[in-house]
Amino acid sequence: MKPWRDYQGKKRGSGARLRAPLTGITAAVVGVIVNLAVLFTYHVLQPQELSGHFEWASALMGALAALALFRFKVGVISVVLASVLAGLALTFLRPVFS
């Protein structure tokens, strides 16, 4: 019975040694993802840096997508497909109304 207890103790101890490095790696990956999200959002909403115009249509599409995802619990794939269709429609219809 004692060897089994020793094995279980060693098994539990090995996970503790990996927990701290994996937590640090996870935090670094989350930081990179947030940084990229902020960078992409800035370049989508302000295409010509600060001297250009603000993309209200893109901001509205992003707000509606966030609302659909978090408030109405719509699936991610459905929201992405709807955003693609709205973006294509906006791209092709913008010259018509300008």
PDB file of N, CA and C in Angstrom:
ATOM      1  N   MET A   1       0.814  -1.203   0.000  1.00  0.00           N
ATOM      2  CA  MET A   1       0.000   0.000   0.000  1.00  0.00           C
ATOM      3  C   MET A   1       0.857   1.266   0.000  1.00  0.00           C
ATOM      4  N   LYS A   2       1.987   1.226   0.685  1.00  0.00           N
ATOM      5  CA  LYS A   2       2.842   2.403   0.742  1.00  0.00           C
ATOM      6  C   LYS A   2       3.411   2.792  -0.623  1.00  0.00           C
ATOM      7  N   PRO A   3       3.839   1.876  -1.489  1.00  0.00           N
ATOM      8  CA  PRO A   3       4.334   2.313  -2.806  1.00  0.00           C
ATOM      9  C   PRO A   3       3.274   3.061  -3.611  1.00  0.00           C
ATOM     10  N   TRP A   4       2.024   2.653  -3.492  1.00  0.00           N
ATOM     11  CA  TRP A   4       0.957   3.344  -4.222  1.00  0.00           C
ATOM     12  C   TRP A   4       0.813   4.786  -3.752  1.00  0.00           C
ATOM     13  N   ARG A   5       0.924   4.999  -2.414  1.00  0.00           N
ATOM     14  CA  ARG A   5       0.840   6.354  -1.883  1.00  0.00           C
ATOM     15  C   ARG A   5       2.018   7.202  -2.356  1.00  0.00           C
ATOM     16  N   ASP A   6       3.197   6.621  -2.422  1.00  0.00           N
ATOM     17  CA  ASP A   6       4.360   7.354  -2.912  1.00  0.00           C
ATOM     18  C   ASP A   6       4.183   7.746  -4.371  1.00  0.00           C
ATOM     19  N   TYR A   7       3.632   6.833  -5.163  1.00  0.00           N
ATOM     20  CA  TYR A   7       3.403   7.137  -6.573  1.00  0.00           C
ATOM     21  C   TYR A   7       2.396   8.270  -6.727  1.00  0.00           C
ATOM     22  N   GLN A   8       1.331   8.243  -5.949  1.00  0.00           N
ATOM     23  CA  GLN A   8       0.322   9.290  -6.023  1.00  0.00           C
ATOM     24  C   GLN A   8       0.894  10.640  -5.607  1.00  0.00           C
ATOM     25  N   GLY A   9       1.751  10.656  -4.592  1.00  0.00           N
ATOM     26  CA  GLY A   9       2.372  11.902  -4.155  1.00  0.00           C
ATOM     27  C   GLY A   9       3.280  12.472  -5.222  1.00  0.00           C
ATOM     28  N   LYS A  10       4.053  11.631  -5.892  1.00  0.00           N
ATOM     29  CA  LYS A  10       4.926  12.093  -6.965  1.00  0.00           C
ATOM     30  C   LYS A  10       4.107  12.602  -8.147  1.00  0.00           C
ATOM     31  N   LYS A  11       3.005  11.923  -8.409  1.00  0.00           N
ATOM     32  CA  LYS A  11       2.159  12.321  -9.530  1.00  0.00           C
ATOM     33  C   LYS A  11       1.556  13.712  -9.294  1.00  0.00           C
ATOM     34  N   ARG A  12       1.104  13.985  -8.073  1.00  0.00           N
ATOM     35  CA  ARG A  12       0.539  15.297  -7.767  1.00  0.00           C
ATOM     36  C   ARG A  12       1.600  16.386  -7.774  1.00  0.00           C
ATOM     37  N   GLY A  13       2.785  16.077  -7.327  1.00  0.00           N
ATOM     38  CA  GLY A  13       3.858  17.061  -7.247  1.00  0.00           C
ATOM     39  C   GLY A  13       4.358  17.506  -8.611  1.00  0.00           C
ATOM     40  N   SER A  14       4.284  16.646  -9.620  1.00  0.00           N
ATOM     41  CA  SER A  14       4.804  17.007 -10.936  1.00  0.00           C
ATOM     42  C   SER A  14       3.950  18.087 -11.602  1.00  0.00           C
ATOM     43  N   GLY A  15       2.666  18.102 -11.330  1.00  0.00           N
ATOM     44  CA  GLY A  15       1.794  19.125 -11.912  1.00  0.00           C
ATOM     45  C   GLY A  15       2.069  20.505 -11.343  1.00  0.00           C
ATOM     46  N   ALA A  16       2.483  20.548 -10.072  1.00  0.00           N
ATOM     47  CA  ALA A  16       2.754  21.836  -9.442  1.00  0.00           C
ATOM     48  C   ALA A  16       3.975  22.510 -10.058  1.00  0.00           C
ATOM     49  N   ARG A  17       4.936  21.709 -10.529  1.00  0.00           N
ATOM     50  CA  ARG A  17       6.129  22.285 -11.134  1.00  0.00           C
ATOM     51  C   ARG A  17       5.823  22.907 -12.489  1.00  0.00           C
ATOM     52  N   LEU A  18       4.810  22.431 -13.160  1.00  0.00           N
ATOM     53  CA  LEU A  18       4.466  22.955 -14.487  1.00  0.00           C
ATOM     54  C   LEU A  18       3.471  24.101 -14.437  1.00  0.00           C
ATOM     55  N   ARG A  19       2.786  24.248 -13.322  1.00  0.00           N
ATOM     56  CA  ARG A  19       1.708  25.235 -13.243  1.00  0.00           C
ATOM     57  C   ARG A  19       2.218  26.665 -13.398  1.00  0.00           C
ATOM     58  N   ALA A  20       3.284  27.035 -12.742  1.00  0.00           N
ATOM     59  CA  ALA A  20       3.783  28.414 -12.810  1.00  0.00           C
ATOM     60  C   ALA A  20       4.279  28.782 -14.207  1.00  0.00           C
ATOM     61  N   PRO A  21       5.102  27.960 -14.869  1.00  0.00           N
ATOM     62  CA  PRO A  21       5.522  28.338 -16.223  1.00  0.00           C
ATOM     63  C   PRO A  21       4.361  28.415 -17.207  1.00  0.00           C
ATOM     64  N   LEU A  22       3.407  27.494 -17.089  1.00  0.00           N
ATOM     65  CA  LEU A  22       2.271  27.525 -18.001  1.00  0.00           C
ATOM     66  C   LEU A  22       1.388  28.752 -17.754  1.00  0.00           C
ATOM     67  N   THR A  23       1.280  29.180 -16.524  1.00  0.00           N
ATOM     68  CA  THR A  23       0.525  30.397 -16.227  1.00  0.00           C
ATOM     69  C   THR A  23       1.199  31.606 -16.855  1.00  0.00           C
ATOM     70  N   GLY A  24       2.524  31.659 -16.771  1.00  0.00           N
ATOM     71  CA  GLY A  24       3.259  32.771 -17.392  1.00  0.00           C
ATOM     72  C   GLY A  24       3.134  32.776 -18.903  1.00  0.00           C
ATOM     73  N   ILE A  25       3.214  31.601 -19.513  1.00  0.00           N
ATOM     74  CA  ILE A  25       3.076  31.503 -20.974  1.00  0.00           C
ATOM     75  C   ILE A  25       1.675  31.909 -21.396  1.00  0.00           C
ATOM     76  N   THR A  26       0.663  31.480 -20.644  1.00  0.00           N
ATOM     77  CA  THR A  26      -0.723  31.843 -20.957  1.00  0.00           C
ATOM     78  C   THR A  26      -0.913  33.356 -20.877  1.00  0.00           C
ATOM     79  N   ALA A  27      -0.354  33.988 -19.856  1.00  0.00           N
ATOM     80  CA  ALA A  27      -0.475  35.442 -19.719  1.00  0.00           C
ATOM     81  C   ALA A  27       0.210  36.153 -20.883  1.00  0.00           C
ATOM     82  N   ALA A  28       1.354  35.639 -21.317  1.00  0.00           N
ATOM     83  CA  ALA A  28       2.048  36.268 -22.441  1.00  0.00           C
ATOM     84  C   ALA A  28       1.244  36.147 -23.731  1.00  0.00           C
ATOM     85  N   VAL A  29       0.651  34.986 -23.963  1.00  0.00           N
ATOM     86  CA  VAL A  29      -0.151  34.782 -25.177  1.00  0.00           C
ATOM     87  C   VAL A  29      -1.383  35.684 -25.157  1.00  0.00           C
ATOM     88  N   VAL A  30      -2.042  35.794 -24.013  1.00  0.00           N
ATOM     89  CA  VAL A  30      -3.212  36.676 -23.908  1.00  0.00           C
ATOM     90  C   VAL A  30      -2.796  38.126 -24.154  1.00  0.00           C
ATOM     91  N   GLY A  31      -1.648  38.535 -23.656  1.00  0.00           N
ATOM     92  CA  GLY A  31      -1.162  39.883 -23.888  1.00  0.00           C
ATOM     93  C   GLY A  31      -0.912  40.161 -25.360  1.00  0.00           C
ATOM     94  N   VAL A  32      -0.342  39.199 -26.068  1.00  0.00           N
ATOM     95  CA  VAL A  32      -0.096  39.368 -27.510  1.00  0.00           C
ATOM     96  C   VAL A  32      -1.413  39.477 -28.263  1.00  0.00           C
ATOM     97  N   ILE A  33      -2.391  38.657 -27.910  1.00  0.00           N
ATOM     98  CA  ILE A  33      -3.691  38.687 -28.588  1.00  0.00           C
ATOM     99  C   ILE A  33      -4.390  40.024 -28.355  1.00  0.00           C
ATOM    100  N   VAL A  34      -4.360  40.530 -27.128  1.00  0.00           N
ATOM    101  CA  VAL A  34      -4.993  41.825 -26.839  1.00  0.00           C
ATOM    102  C   VAL A  34      -4.278  42.948 -27.585  1.00  0.00           C
ATOM    103  N   ASN A  35      -2.953  42.896 -27.629  1.00  0.00           N
ATOM    104  CA  ASN A  35      -2.187  43.908 -28.354  1.00  0.00           C
ATOM    105  C   ASN A  35      -2.552  43.916 -29.836  1.00  0.00           C
ATOM    106  N   LEU A  36      -2.655  42.735 -30.446  1.00  0.00           N
ATOM    107  CA  LEU A  36      -3.037  42.658 -31.856  1.00  0.00           C
ATOM    108  C   LEU A  36      -4.467  43.153 -32.078  1.00  0.00           C
ATOM    109  N   ALA A  37      -5.365  42.843 -31.154  1.00  0.00           N
ATOM    110  CA  ALA A  37      -6.748  43.305 -31.283  1.00  0.00           C
ATOM    111  C   ALA A  37      -6.824  44.830 -31.258  1.00  0.00           C
ATOM    112  N   VAL A  38      -6.073  45.451 -30.358  1.00  0.00           N
ATOM    113  CA  VAL A  38      -6.057  46.915 -30.286  1.00  0.00           C
ATOM    114  C   VAL A  38      -5.444  47.507 -31.557  1.00  0.00           C
ATOM    115  N   LEU A  39      -4.361  46.921 -32.036  1.00  0.00           N
ATOM    116  CA  LEU A  39      -3.692  47.409 -33.241  1.00  0.00           C
ATOM    117  C   LEU A  39      -4.617  47.315 -34.457  1.00  0.00           C
ATOM    118  N   PHE A  40      -5.271  46.161 -34.636  1.00  0.00           N
ATOM    119  CA  PHE A  40      -6.169  45.983 -35.786  1.00  0.00           C
ATOM    120  C   PHE A  40      -7.371  46.921 -35.683  1.00  0.00           C
ATOM    121  N   THR A  41      -7.912  47.082 -34.484  1.00  0.00           N
ATOM    122  CA  THR A  41      -9.056  47.976 -34.304  1.00  0.00           C
ATOM    123  C   THR A  41      -8.676  49.410 -34.665  1.00  0.00           C
ATOM    124  N   TYR A  42      -7.523  49.854 -34.244  1.00  0.00           N
ATOM    125  CA  TYR A  42      -7.070  51.204 -34.558  1.00  0.00           C
ATOM    126  C   TYR A  42      -6.939  51.399 -36.065  1.00  0.00           C
ATOM    127  N   HIS A  43      -6.351  50.429 -36.755  1.00  0.00           N
ATOM    128  CA  HIS A  43      -6.137  50.579 -38.191  1.00  0.00           C
ATOM    129  C   HIS A  43      -7.418  50.399 -39.009  1.00  0.00           C
ATOM    130  N   VAL A  44      -8.400  49.709 -38.473  1.00  0.00           N
ATOM    131  CA  VAL A  44      -9.683  49.585 -39.178  1.00  0.00           C
ATOM    132  C   VAL A  44     -10.510  50.860 -38.992  1.00  0.00           C
ATOM    133  N   LEU A  45     -10.515  51.393 -37.786  1.00  0.00           N
ATOM    134  CA  LEU A  45     -11.356  52.564 -37.515  1.00  0.00           C
ATOM    135  C   LEU A  45     -10.715  53.874 -37.958  1.00  0.00           C
ATOM    136  N   GLN A  46      -9.399  53.933 -38.043  1.00  0.00           N
ATOM    137  CA  GLN A  46      -8.675  55.129 -38.492  1.00  0.00           C
ATOM    138  C   GLN A  46      -7.707  54.716 -39.610  1.00  0.00           C
ATOM    139  N   PRO A  47      -8.189  54.470 -40.823  1.00  0.00           N
ATOM    140  CA  PRO A  47      -7.313  53.956 -41.880  1.00  0.00           C
ATOM    141  C   PRO A  47      -6.176  54.894 -42.281  1.00  0.00           C
ATOM    142  N   GLN A  48      -6.372  56.203 -42.245  1.00  0.00           N
ATOM    143  CA  GLN A  48      -5.316  57.150 -42.614  1.00  0.00           C
ATOM    144  C   GLN A  48      -4.723  57.802 -41.364  1.00  0.00           C
ATOM    145  N   GLU A  49      -4.450  57.018 -40.371  1.00  0.00           N
ATOM    146  CA  GLU A  49      -3.911  57.518 -39.098  1.00  0.00           C
ATOM    147  C   GLU A  49      -4.881  58.542 -38.506  1.00  0.00           C
ATOM    148  N   LEU A  50      -4.386  59.522 -37.793  1.00  0.00           N
ATOM    149  CA  LEU A  50      -5.274  60.483 -37.143  1.00  0.00           C
ATOM    150  C   LEU A  50      -5.745  61.594 -38.076  1.00  0.00           C
ATOM    151  N   SER A  51      -5.114  61.737 -39.249  1.00  0.00           N
ATOM    152  CA  SER A  51      -5.519  62.800 -40.163  1.00  0.00           C
ATOM    153  C   SER A  51      -6.731  62.416 -41.002  1.00  0.00           C
ATOM    154  N   GLY A  52      -7.053  61.130 -41.066  1.00  0.00           N
ATOM    155  CA  GLY A  52      -8.157  60.672 -41.901  1.00  0.00           C
ATOM    156  C   GLY A  52      -9.482  60.706 -41.174  1.00  0.00           C
ATOM    157  N   HIS A  53     -10.486  60.186 -41.828  1.00  0.00           N
ATOM    158  CA  HIS A  53     -11.826  60.157 -41.262  1.00  0.00           C
ATOM    159  C   HIS A  53     -12.013  58.894 -40.418  1.00  0.00           C
ATOM    160  N   PHE A  54     -13.006  58.949 -39.562  1.00  0.00           N
ATOM    161  CA  PHE A  54     -13.343  57.812 -38.705  1.00  0.00           C
ATOM    162  C   PHE A  54     -14.320  56.918 -39.450  1.00  0.00           C
ATOM    163  N   GLU A  55     -14.097  55.624 -39.435  1.00  0.00           N
ATOM    164  CA  GLU A  55     -14.967  54.655 -40.119  1.00  0.00           C
ATOM    165  C   GLU A  55     -16.157  54.305 -39.229  1.00  0.00           C
ATOM    166  N   TRP A  56     -17.230  55.076 -39.358  1.00  0.00           N
ATOM    167  CA  TRP A  56     -18.417  54.846 -38.535  1.00  0.00           C
ATOM    168  C   TRP A  56     -19.095  53.523 -38.872  1.00  0.00           C
ATOM    169  N   ALA A  57     -19.078  53.135 -40.128  1.00  0.00           N
ATOM    170  CA  ALA A  57     -19.727  51.887 -40.519  1.00  0.00           C
ATOM    171  C   ALA A  57     -19.028  50.681 -39.879  1.00  0.00           C
ATOM    172  N   SER A  58     -17.712  50.705 -39.848  1.00  0.00           N
ATOM    173  CA  SER A  58     -16.964  49.613 -39.219  1.00  0.00           C
ATOM    174  C   SER A  58     -17.195  49.575 -37.713  1.00  0.00           C
ATOM    175  N   ALA A  59     -17.261  50.753 -37.093  1.00  0.00           N
ATOM    176  CA  ALA A  59     -17.527  50.811 -35.651  1.00  0.00           C
ATOM    177  C   ALA A  59     -18.918  50.274 -35.337  1.00  0.00           C
ATOM    178  N   LEU A  60     -19.902  50.632 -36.176  1.00  0.00           N
ATOM    179  CA  LEU A  60     -21.264  50.145 -35.978  1.00  0.00           C
ATOM    180  C   LEU A  60     -21.340  48.629 -36.175  1.00  0.00           C
ATOM    181  N   MET A  61     -20.651  48.121 -37.202  1.00  0.00           N
ATOM    182  CA  MET A  61     -20.637  46.670 -37.419  1.00  0.00           C
ATOM    183  C   MET A  61     -19.997  45.934 -36.252  1.00  0.00           C
ATOM    184  N   GLY A  62     -18.911  46.476 -35.706  1.00  0.00           N
ATOM    185  CA  GLY A  62     -18.262  45.861 -34.553  1.00  0.00           C
ATOM    186  C   GLY A  62     -19.148  45.868 -33.318  1.00  0.00           C
ATOM    187  N   ALA A  63     -19.842  46.987 -33.100  1.00  0.00           N
ATOM    188  CA  ALA A  63     -20.743  47.084 -31.947  1.00  0.00           C
ATOM    189  C   ALA A  63     -21.916  46.111 -32.087  1.00  0.00           C
ATOM    190  N   LEU A  64     -22.461  46.006 -33.301  1.00  0.00           N
ATOM    191  CA  LEU A  64     -23.558  45.057 -33.519  1.00  0.00           C
ATOM    192  C   LEU A  64     -23.090  43.608 -33.367  1.00  0.00           C
ATOM    193  N   ALA A  65     -21.879  43.308 -33.823  1.00  0.00           N
ATOM    194  CA  ALA A  65     -21.341  41.959 -33.666  1.00  0.00           C
ATOM    195  C   ALA A  65     -21.138  41.630 -32.188  1.00  0.00           C
ATOM    196  N   ALA A  66     -20.606  42.583 -31.424  1.00  0.00           N
ATOM    197  CA  ALA A  66     -20.425  42.359 -29.986  1.00  0.00           C
ATOM    198  C   ALA A  66     -21.763  42.179 -29.287  1.00  0.00           C
ATOM    199  N   LEU A  67     -22.748  42.966 -29.684  1.00  0.00           N
ATOM    200  CA  LEU A  67     -24.091  42.836 -29.111  1.00  0.00           C
ATOM    201  C   LEU A  67     -24.687  41.468 -29.416  1.00  0.00           C
ATOM    202  N   ALA A  68     -24.534  41.023 -30.650  1.00  0.00           N
ATOM    203  CA  ALA A  68     -25.069  39.701 -31.022  1.00  0.00           C
ATOM    204  C   ALA A  68     -24.369  38.580 -30.258  1.00  0.00           C
ATOM    205  N   LEU A  69     -23.068  38.703 -30.087  1.00  0.00           N
ATOM    206  CA  LEU A  69     -22.316  37.653 -29.400  1.00  0.00           C
ATOM    207  C   LEU A  69     -22.617  37.601 -27.908  1.00  0.00           C
ATOM    208  N   PHE A  70     -22.566  38.746 -27.242  1.00  0.00           N
ATOM    209  CA  PHE A  70     -22.634  38.747 -25.791  1.00  0.00           C
ATOM    210  C   PHE A  70     -24.048  38.887 -25.229  1.00  0.00           C
ATOM    211  N   ARG A  71     -24.904  39.650 -25.895  1.00  0.00           N
ATOM    212  CA  ARG A  71     -26.261  39.850 -25.361  1.00  0.00           C
ATOM    213  C   ARG A  71     -27.222  38.767 -25.838  1.00  0.00           C
ATOM    214  N   PHE A  72     -27.167  38.465 -27.130  1.00  0.00           N
ATOM    215  CA  PHE A  72     -28.133  37.527 -27.696  1.00  0.00           C
ATOM    216  C   PHE A  72     -27.572  36.122 -27.874  1.00  0.00           C
ATOM    217  N   LYS A  73     -26.300  35.909 -27.515  1.00  0.00           N
ATOM    218  CA  LYS A  73     -25.663  34.584 -27.536  1.00  0.00           C
ATOM    219  C   LYS A  73     -25.745  33.908 -28.899  1.00  0.00           C
ATOM    220  N   VAL A  74     -25.560  34.678 -29.954  1.00  0.00           N
ATOM    221  CA  VAL A  74     -25.530  34.127 -31.309  1.00  0.00           C
ATOM    222  C   VAL A  74     -24.176  33.450 -31.498  1.00  0.00           C
ATOM    223  N   GLY A  75     -24.138  32.402 -32.295  1.00  0.00           N
ATOM    224  CA  GLY A  75     -22.906  31.677 -32.530  1.00  0.00           C
ATOM    225  C   GLY A  75     -21.856  32.508 -33.255  1.00  0.00           C
ATOM    226  N   VAL A  76     -20.597  32.189 -33.003  1.00  0.00           N
ATOM    227  CA  VAL A  76     -19.488  32.957 -33.579  1.00  0.00           C
ATOM    228  C   VAL A  76     -19.487  32.866 -35.100  1.00  0.00           C
ATOM    229  N   ILE A  77     -19.702  31.671 -35.627  1.00  0.00           N
ATOM    230  CA  ILE A  77     -19.659  31.498 -37.083  1.00  0.00           C
ATOM    231  C   ILE A  77     -20.783  32.296 -37.742  1.00  0.00           C
ATOM    232  N   SER A  78     -21.950  32.307 -37.149  1.00  0.00           N
ATOM    233  CA  SER A  78     -23.062  33.090 -37.697  1.00  0.00           C
ATOM    234  C   SER A  78     -22.740  34.579 -37.707  1.00  0.00           C
ATOM    235  N   VAL A  79     -22.124  35.070 -36.632  1.00  0.00           N
ATOM    236  CA  VAL A  79     -21.773  36.486 -36.552  1.00  0.00           C
ATOM    237  C   VAL A  79     -20.689  36.825 -37.572  1.00  0.00           C
ATOM    238  N   VAL A  80     -19.705  35.944 -37.722  1.00  0.00           N
ATOM    239  CA  VAL A  80     -18.639  36.197 -38.695  1.00  0.00           C
ATOM    240  C   VAL A  80     -19.211  36.216 -40.111  1.00  0.00           C
ATOM    241  N   LEU A  81     -20.072  35.272 -40.442  1.00  0.00           N
ATOM    242  CA  LEU A  81     -20.674  35.238 -41.779  1.00  0.00           C
ATOM    243  C   LEU A  81     -21.539  36.478 -42.036  1.00  0.00           C
ATOM    244  N   ALA A  82     -22.310  36.877 -41.041  1.00  0.00           N
ATOM    245  CA  ALA A  82     -23.127  38.080 -41.196  1.00  0.00           C
ATOM    246  C   ALA A  82     -22.237  39.322 -41.360  1.00  0.00           C
ATOM    247  N   SER A  83     -21.133  39.376 -40.631  1.00  0.00           N
ATOM    248  CA  SER A  83     -20.210  40.511 -40.760  1.00  0.00           C
ATOM    249  C   SER A  83     -19.549  40.534 -42.129  1.00  0.00           C
ATOM    250  N   VAL A  84     -19.205  39.372 -42.646  1.00  0.00           N
ATOM    251  CA  VAL A  84     -18.611  39.303 -43.988  1.00  0.00           C
ATOM    252  C   VAL A  84     -19.599  39.810 -45.031  1.00  0.00           C
ATOM    253  N   LEU A  85     -20.836  39.355 -44.944  1.00  0.00           N
ATOM    254  CA  LEU A  85     -21.849  39.798 -45.909  1.00  0.00           C
ATOM    255  C   LEU A  85     -22.114  41.298 -45.793  1.00  0.00           C
ATOM    256  N   ALA A  86     -22.169  41.802 -44.559  1.00  0.00           N
ATOM    257  CA  ALA A  86     -22.383  43.241 -44.376  1.00  0.00           C
ATOM    258  C   ALA A  86     -21.197  44.036 -44.904  1.00  0.00           C
ATOM    259  N   GLY A  87     -19.993  43.539 -44.680  1.00  0.00           N
ATOM    260  CA  GLY A  87     -18.801  44.226 -45.191  1.00  0.00           C
ATOM    261  C   GLY A  87     -18.744  44.234 -46.703  1.00  0.00           C
ATOM    262  N   LEU A  88     -19.101  43.110 -47.321  1.00  0.00           N
ATOM    263  CA  LEU A  88     -19.140  43.065 -48.783  1.00  0.00           C
ATOM    264  C   LEU A  88     -20.199  44.006 -49.338  1.00  0.00           C
ATOM    265  N   ALA A  89     -21.364  44.000 -48.721  1.00  0.00           N
ATOM    266  CA  ALA A  89     -22.430  44.903 -49.172  1.00  0.00           C
ATOM    267  C   ALA A  89     -21.998  46.358 -49.020  1.00  0.00           C
ATOM    268  N   LEU A  90     -21.360  46.684 -47.907  1.00  0.00           N
ATOM    269  CA  LEU A  90     -20.895  48.050 -47.689  1.00  0.00           C
ATOM    270  C   LEU A  90     -19.829  48.433 -48.708  1.00  0.00           C
ATOM    271  N   THR A  91     -18.935  47.509 -49.020  1.00  0.00           N
ATOM    272  CA  THR A  91     -17.870  47.778 -49.991  1.00  0.00           C
ATOM    273  C   THR A  91     -18.427  48.045 -51.376  1.00  0.00           C
ATOM    274  N   PHE A  92     -19.414  47.247 -51.787  1.00  0.00           N
ATOM    275  CA  PHE A  92     -19.953  47.400 -53.136  1.00  0.00           C
ATOM    276  C   PHE A  92     -20.987  48.505 -53.250  1.00  0.00           C
ATOM    277  N   LEU A  93     -21.680  48.830 -52.178  1.00  0.00           N
ATOM    278  CA  LEU A  93     -22.712  49.867 -52.217  1.00  0.00           C
ATOM    279  C   LEU A  93     -22.188  51.260 -51.894  1.00  0.00           C
ATOM    280  N   ARG A  94     -21.057  51.370 -51.273  1.00  0.00           N
ATOM    281  CA  ARG A  94     -20.527  52.685 -50.906  1.00  0.00           C
ATOM    282  C   ARG A  94     -20.299  53.575 -52.116  1.00  0.00           C
ATOM    283  N   PRO A  95     -19.705  53.063 -53.223  1.00  0.00           N
ATOM    284  CA  PRO A  95     -19.530  53.951 -54.406  1.00  0.00           C
ATOM    285  C   PRO A  95     -20.861  54.380 -55.014  1.00  0.00           C
ATOM    286  N   VAL A  96     -21.899  53.594 -54.868  1.00  0.00           N
ATOM    287  CA  VAL A  96     -23.190  53.947 -55.435  1.00  0.00           C
ATOM    288  C   VAL A  96     -23.780  55.154 -54.734  1.00  0.00           C
ATOM    289  N   PHE A  97     -23.639  55.223 -53.399  1.00  0.00           N
ATOM    290  CA  PHE A  97     -24.243  56.303 -52.627  1.00  0.00           C
ATOM    291  C   PHE A  97     -23.318  57.479 -52.420  1.00  0.00           C
ATOM    292  N   SER A  98     -22.091  57.415 -52.886  1.00  0.00           N
ATOM    293  CA  SER A  98     -21.150  58.531 -52.677  1.00  0.00           C
ATOM    294  C   SER A  98     -21.248  59.555 -53.772  1.00  0.00           C
TER     295      SER A  98
END
